[in-house]
């Protein structure tokens, strides 16, 4: 069906996520749900942010990122889009 990951990017404060879904599973809300779970895991690990990179033609990824409030920055020279999502730490 697909895969998702979190990796250390900047110490433990910033994690990077990446995701791949089979074409037959895209548009079903799986990416948005997986991203929600990844953000929860990142917050529980003490990360303050999660970053991701995609392309401007990846509508599904952009929709999932926007759904979770990502700040999106498009490259001036390429079709690349960088996203940053803030995590919220769970209550103690």
C-alpha atoms as a PDB file:
ATOM      1  CA  UNK A   1       0.000   0.000   0.000  1.00  0.00           C
ATOM      2  CA  UNK A   2       2.836   2.418   0.788  1.00  0.00           C
ATOM      3  CA  UNK A   3       5.358   3.609   3.310  1.00  0.00           C
ATOM      4  CA  UNK A   4       6.085   6.593   5.531  1.00  0.00           C
ATOM      5  CA  UNK A   5       9.100   7.605   7.566  1.00  0.00           C
ATOM      6  CA  UNK A   6      10.492  10.117  10.027  1.00  0.00           C
ATOM      7  CA  UNK A   7      14.207  10.898  10.049  1.00  0.00           C
ATOM      8  CA  UNK A   8      16.378  13.203  12.125  1.00  0.00           C
ATOM      9  CA  UNK A   9      17.133  16.397  10.208  1.00  0.00           C
ATOM     10  CA  UNK A  10      18.398  18.973  12.724  1.00  0.00           C
ATOM     11  CA  UNK A  11      19.313  17.284  15.949  1.00  0.00           C
ATOM     12  CA  UNK A  12      16.099  16.002  17.472  1.00  0.00           C
ATOM     13  CA  UNK A  13      14.291  19.332  17.184  1.00  0.00           C
ATOM     14  CA  UNK A  14      13.419  18.970  13.496  1.00  0.00           C
ATOM     15  CA  UNK A  15      12.430  15.711  11.836  1.00  0.00           C
ATOM     16  CA  UNK A  16      11.950  15.040   8.134  1.00  0.00           C
ATOM     17  CA  UNK A  17       9.081  12.993   6.770  1.00  0.00           C
ATOM     18  CA  UNK A  18       8.679  11.203   3.493  1.00  0.00           C
ATOM     19  CA  UNK A  19       5.789   9.166   2.187  1.00  0.00           C
ATOM     20  CA  UNK A  20       4.898   7.024  -0.794  1.00  0.00           C
ATOM     21  CA  UNK A  21       1.469   5.592  -1.575  1.00  0.00           C
ATOM     22  CA  UNK A  22       0.465   3.204  -4.337  1.00  0.00           C
ATOM     23  CA  UNK A  23      -1.527   5.016  -7.026  1.00  0.00           C
ATOM     24  CA  UNK A  24      -4.562   2.853  -6.256  1.00  0.00           C
ATOM     25  CA  UNK A  25      -4.567   4.158  -2.654  1.00  0.00           C
ATOM     26  CA  UNK A  26      -4.125   7.853  -3.391  1.00  0.00           C
ATOM     27  CA  UNK A  27      -7.021  10.219  -2.777  1.00  0.00           C
ATOM     28  CA  UNK A  28      -8.524   8.043  -0.026  1.00  0.00           C
ATOM     29  CA  UNK A  29      -7.293  10.086   2.948  1.00  0.00           C
ATOM     30  CA  UNK A  30      -4.522   7.650   3.846  1.00  0.00           C
ATOM     31  CA  UNK A  31      -1.751  10.222   3.358  1.00  0.00           C
ATOM     32  CA  UNK A  32      -3.525  12.778   5.540  1.00  0.00           C
ATOM     33  CA  UNK A  33      -4.114  10.170   8.264  1.00  0.00           C
ATOM     34  CA  UNK A  34      -0.521   8.932   8.080  1.00  0.00           C
ATOM     35  CA  UNK A  35       0.803  12.483   8.311  1.00  0.00           C
ATOM     36  CA  UNK A  36      -1.371  13.091  11.401  1.00  0.00           C
ATOM     37  CA  UNK A  37       0.154   9.992  13.019  1.00  0.00           C
ATOM     38  CA  UNK A  38       3.690  11.039  12.058  1.00  0.00           C
ATOM     39  CA  UNK A  39       3.144  14.493  13.571  1.00  0.00           C
ATOM     40  CA  UNK A  40       1.957  12.839  16.782  1.00  0.00           C
ATOM     41  CA  UNK A  41       5.045  10.630  16.897  1.00  0.00           C
ATOM     42  CA  UNK A  42       7.287  13.642  16.256  1.00  0.00           C
ATOM     43  CA  UNK A  43       5.641  15.616  19.070  1.00  0.00           C
ATOM     44  CA  UNK A  44       5.970  12.666  21.445  1.00  0.00           C
ATOM     45  CA  UNK A  45       9.682  12.459  20.562  1.00  0.00           C
ATOM     46  CA  UNK A  46      10.086  16.140  21.486  1.00  0.00           C
ATOM     47  CA  UNK A  47      10.502  17.539  17.967  1.00  0.00           C
ATOM     48  CA  UNK A  48       9.334  21.126  17.443  1.00  0.00           C
ATOM     49  CA  UNK A  49       8.826  20.753  13.682  1.00  0.00           C
ATOM     50  CA  UNK A  50       8.555  18.295  10.815  1.00  0.00           C
ATOM     51  CA  UNK A  51       9.728  19.195   7.309  1.00  0.00           C
ATOM     52  CA  UNK A  52       8.943  17.633   3.942  1.00  0.00           C
ATOM     53  CA  UNK A  53       9.821  18.246   0.315  1.00  0.00           C
ATOM     54  CA  UNK A  54       7.586  17.575  -2.672  1.00  0.00           C
ATOM     55  CA  UNK A  55       6.852  19.017  -6.096  1.00  0.00           C
ATOM     56  CA  UNK A  56       4.285  21.589  -7.159  1.00  0.00           C
ATOM     57  CA  UNK A  57       2.430  18.993  -9.257  1.00  0.00           C
ATOM     58  CA  UNK A  58       1.900  16.586  -6.333  1.00  0.00           C
ATOM     59  CA  UNK A  59      -1.635  17.737  -5.488  1.00  0.00           C
ATOM     60  CA  UNK A  60      -2.297  14.950  -2.974  1.00  0.00           C
ATOM     61  CA  UNK A  61       0.837  15.678  -0.939  1.00  0.00           C
ATOM     62  CA  UNK A  62       0.178  19.412  -1.000  1.00  0.00           C
ATOM     63  CA  UNK A  63      -3.415  18.853   0.132  1.00  0.00           C
ATOM     64  CA  UNK A  64      -2.304  16.679   3.063  1.00  0.00           C
ATOM     65  CA  UNK A  65       0.350  19.205   4.053  1.00  0.00           C
ATOM     66  CA  UNK A  66      -2.089  22.122   3.835  1.00  0.00           C
ATOM     67  CA  UNK A  67      -4.672  20.159   5.845  1.00  0.00           C
ATOM     68  CA  UNK A  68      -2.172  20.033   8.707  1.00  0.00           C
ATOM     69  CA  UNK A  69      -1.250  23.709   8.456  1.00  0.00           C
ATOM     70  CA  UNK A  70       2.101  23.414   6.718  1.00  0.00           C
ATOM     71  CA  UNK A  71       3.961  26.543   5.729  1.00  0.00           C
ATOM     72  CA  UNK A  72       4.763  25.945   2.046  1.00  0.00           C
ATOM     73  CA  UNK A  73       7.655  27.602   0.209  1.00  0.00           C
ATOM     74  CA  UNK A  74       7.907  27.127  -3.551  1.00  0.00           C
ATOM     75  CA  UNK A  75      11.278  27.327  -5.280  1.00  0.00           C
ATOM     76  CA  UNK A  76      11.683  30.174  -7.760  1.00  0.00           C
ATOM     77  CA  UNK A  77      13.749  28.027 -10.121  1.00  0.00           C
ATOM     78  CA  UNK A  78      12.315  24.523  -9.900  1.00  0.00           C
ATOM     79  CA  UNK A  79       9.020  22.768  -9.217  1.00  0.00           C
ATOM     80  CA  UNK A  80      10.155  21.934  -5.677  1.00  0.00           C
ATOM     81  CA  UNK A  81       8.070  22.810  -2.629  1.00  0.00           C
ATOM     82  CA  UNK A  82       9.426  22.789   0.922  1.00  0.00           C
ATOM     83  CA  UNK A  83       6.957  22.346   3.783  1.00  0.00           C
ATOM     84  CA  UNK A  84       7.340  22.942   7.493  1.00  0.00           C
ATOM     85  CA  UNK A  85       4.808  21.787  10.059  1.00  0.00           C
ATOM     86  CA  UNK A  86       4.887  22.719  13.726  1.00  0.00           C
ATOM     87  CA  UNK A  87       4.234  19.950  16.192  1.00  0.00           C
ATOM     88  CA  UNK A  88       2.290  20.287  19.381  1.00  0.00           C
ATOM     89  CA  UNK A  89       3.593  18.418  22.333  1.00  0.00           C
ATOM     90  CA  UNK A  90       1.166  16.117  24.119  1.00  0.00           C
ATOM     91  CA  UNK A  91       0.015  17.175  27.592  1.00  0.00           C
ATOM     92  CA  UNK A  92       2.216  15.950  30.443  1.00  0.00           C
END
